[in-house]
Amino acid sequence: MFKAKESIEKGIETIELGLPLDIASVEYKDAYLKLGEITGDTAAEDIIDRIFSDFCIGK
């Protein structure tokens, strides 16, 4: 959760500096992905690969 907070803060800082919104959107997307990992809504590719390699799904 702390990494998500850092990304949100970086996004706000980017906007305050007057930088393009697409740069801020990268930070907000990162925050979304980090929060999604906590809730299970998003998962990094390596996490999914590990789940399927460590656990036999379907038995």
C-alpha atoms as a PDB file:
ATOM      1  CA  MET A   1       0.000   0.000   0.000  1.00  0.00           C
ATOM      2  CA  PHE A   2       2.893   2.347   0.655  1.00  0.00           C
ATOM      3  CA  LYS A   3       4.098   2.005  -2.924  1.00  0.00           C
ATOM      4  CA  ALA A   4       0.634   2.944  -4.166  1.00  0.00           C
ATOM      5  CA  LYS A   5       0.677   6.012  -1.938  1.00  0.00           C
ATOM      6  CA  GLU A   6       4.095   6.989  -3.276  1.00  0.00           C
ATOM      7  CA  SER A   7       2.839   6.687  -6.846  1.00  0.00           C
ATOM      8  CA  ILE A   8      -0.186   8.856  -6.098  1.00  0.00           C
ATOM      9  CA  GLU A   9       2.047  11.473  -4.473  1.00  0.00           C
ATOM     10  CA  LYS A  10       4.354  11.433  -7.509  1.00  0.00           C
ATOM     11  CA  GLY A  11       1.340  11.902  -9.772  1.00  0.00           C
ATOM     12  CA  ILE A  12       0.201  14.910  -7.759  1.00  0.00           C
ATOM     13  CA  GLU A  13       3.710  16.359  -7.824  1.00  0.00           C
ATOM     14  CA  THR A  14       3.853  15.886 -11.583  1.00  0.00           C
ATOM     15  CA  ILE A  15       0.622  17.844 -12.015  1.00  0.00           C
ATOM     16  CA  GLU A  16       1.767  20.573  -9.627  1.00  0.00           C
ATOM     17  CA  LEU A  17       4.960  20.969 -11.659  1.00  0.00           C
ATOM     18  CA  GLY A  18       2.858  21.519 -14.763  1.00  0.00           C
ATOM     19  CA  LEU A  19       4.170  18.432 -16.546  1.00  0.00           C
ATOM     20  CA  PRO A  20       1.976  16.641 -19.105  1.00  0.00           C
ATOM     21  CA  LEU A  21      -0.943  14.668 -17.696  1.00  0.00           C
ATOM     22  CA  ASP A  22       0.159  11.513 -19.483  1.00  0.00           C
ATOM     23  CA  ILE A  23       3.212  11.418 -17.209  1.00  0.00           C
ATOM     24  CA  ALA A  24       0.964  11.674 -14.146  1.00  0.00           C
ATOM     25  CA  SER A  25      -1.299   8.972 -15.552  1.00  0.00           C
ATOM     26  CA  VAL A  26       1.619   6.535 -15.525  1.00  0.00           C
ATOM     27  CA  GLU A  27       1.947   7.090 -11.777  1.00  0.00           C
ATOM     28  CA  TYR A  28      -1.791   6.678 -11.228  1.00  0.00           C
ATOM     29  CA  LYS A  29      -1.865   3.473 -13.244  1.00  0.00           C
ATOM     30  CA  ASP A  30       0.995   2.152 -11.136  1.00  0.00           C
ATOM     31  CA  ALA A  31      -0.946   3.012  -7.970  1.00  0.00           C
ATOM     32  CA  TYR A  32      -4.004   1.230  -9.367  1.00  0.00           C
ATOM     33  CA  LEU A  33      -1.979  -1.890 -10.119  1.00  0.00           C
ATOM     34  CA  LYS A  34      -0.356  -1.885  -6.674  1.00  0.00           C
ATOM     35  CA  LEU A  35      -3.737  -1.573  -4.943  1.00  0.00           C
ATOM     36  CA  GLY A  36      -5.145  -4.241  -7.242  1.00  0.00           C
ATOM     37  CA  GLU A  37      -2.456  -6.658  -6.108  1.00  0.00           C
ATOM     38  CA  ILE A  38      -3.715  -6.227  -2.545  1.00  0.00           C
ATOM     39  CA  THR A  39      -7.358  -6.749  -3.454  1.00  0.00           C
ATOM     40  CA  GLY A  40      -6.675  -9.429  -6.050  1.00  0.00           C
ATOM     41  CA  ASP A  41      -8.136  -7.362  -8.889  1.00  0.00           C
ATOM     42  CA  THR A  42      -4.784  -7.146 -10.666  1.00  0.00           C
ATOM     43  CA  ALA A  43      -1.767  -9.376 -10.499  1.00  0.00           C
ATOM     44  CA  ALA A  44       1.665  -9.148 -11.995  1.00  0.00           C
ATOM     45  CA  GLU A  45       2.507 -11.711 -14.650  1.00  0.00           C
ATOM     46  CA  ASP A  46       5.214 -13.280 -12.455  1.00  0.00           C
ATOM     47  CA  ILE A  47       2.739 -13.800  -9.607  1.00  0.00           C
ATOM     48  CA  ILE A  48       0.293 -15.581 -11.908  1.00  0.00           C
ATOM     49  CA  ASP A  49       3.091 -17.742 -13.333  1.00  0.00           C
ATOM     50  CA  ARG A  50       4.214 -18.695  -9.819  1.00  0.00           C
ATOM     51  CA  ILE A  51       0.696 -19.659  -8.762  1.00  0.00           C
ATOM     52  CA  PHE A  52       0.305 -21.956 -11.746  1.00  0.00           C
ATOM     53  CA  SER A  53       3.765 -23.455 -11.349  1.00  0.00           C
ATOM     54  CA  ASP A  54       3.471 -24.028  -7.568  1.00  0.00           C
ATOM     55  CA  PHE A  55      -0.114 -25.225  -7.424  1.00  0.00           C
ATOM     56  CA  CYS A  56      -1.785 -27.767  -9.592  1.00  0.00           C
ATOM     57  CA  ILE A  57      -5.041 -26.150 -10.629  1.00  0.00           C
ATOM     58  CA  GLY A  58      -7.892 -28.493 -11.542  1.00  0.00           C
ATOM     59  CA  LYS A  59      -7.096 -31.535  -9.404  1.00  0.00           C
END
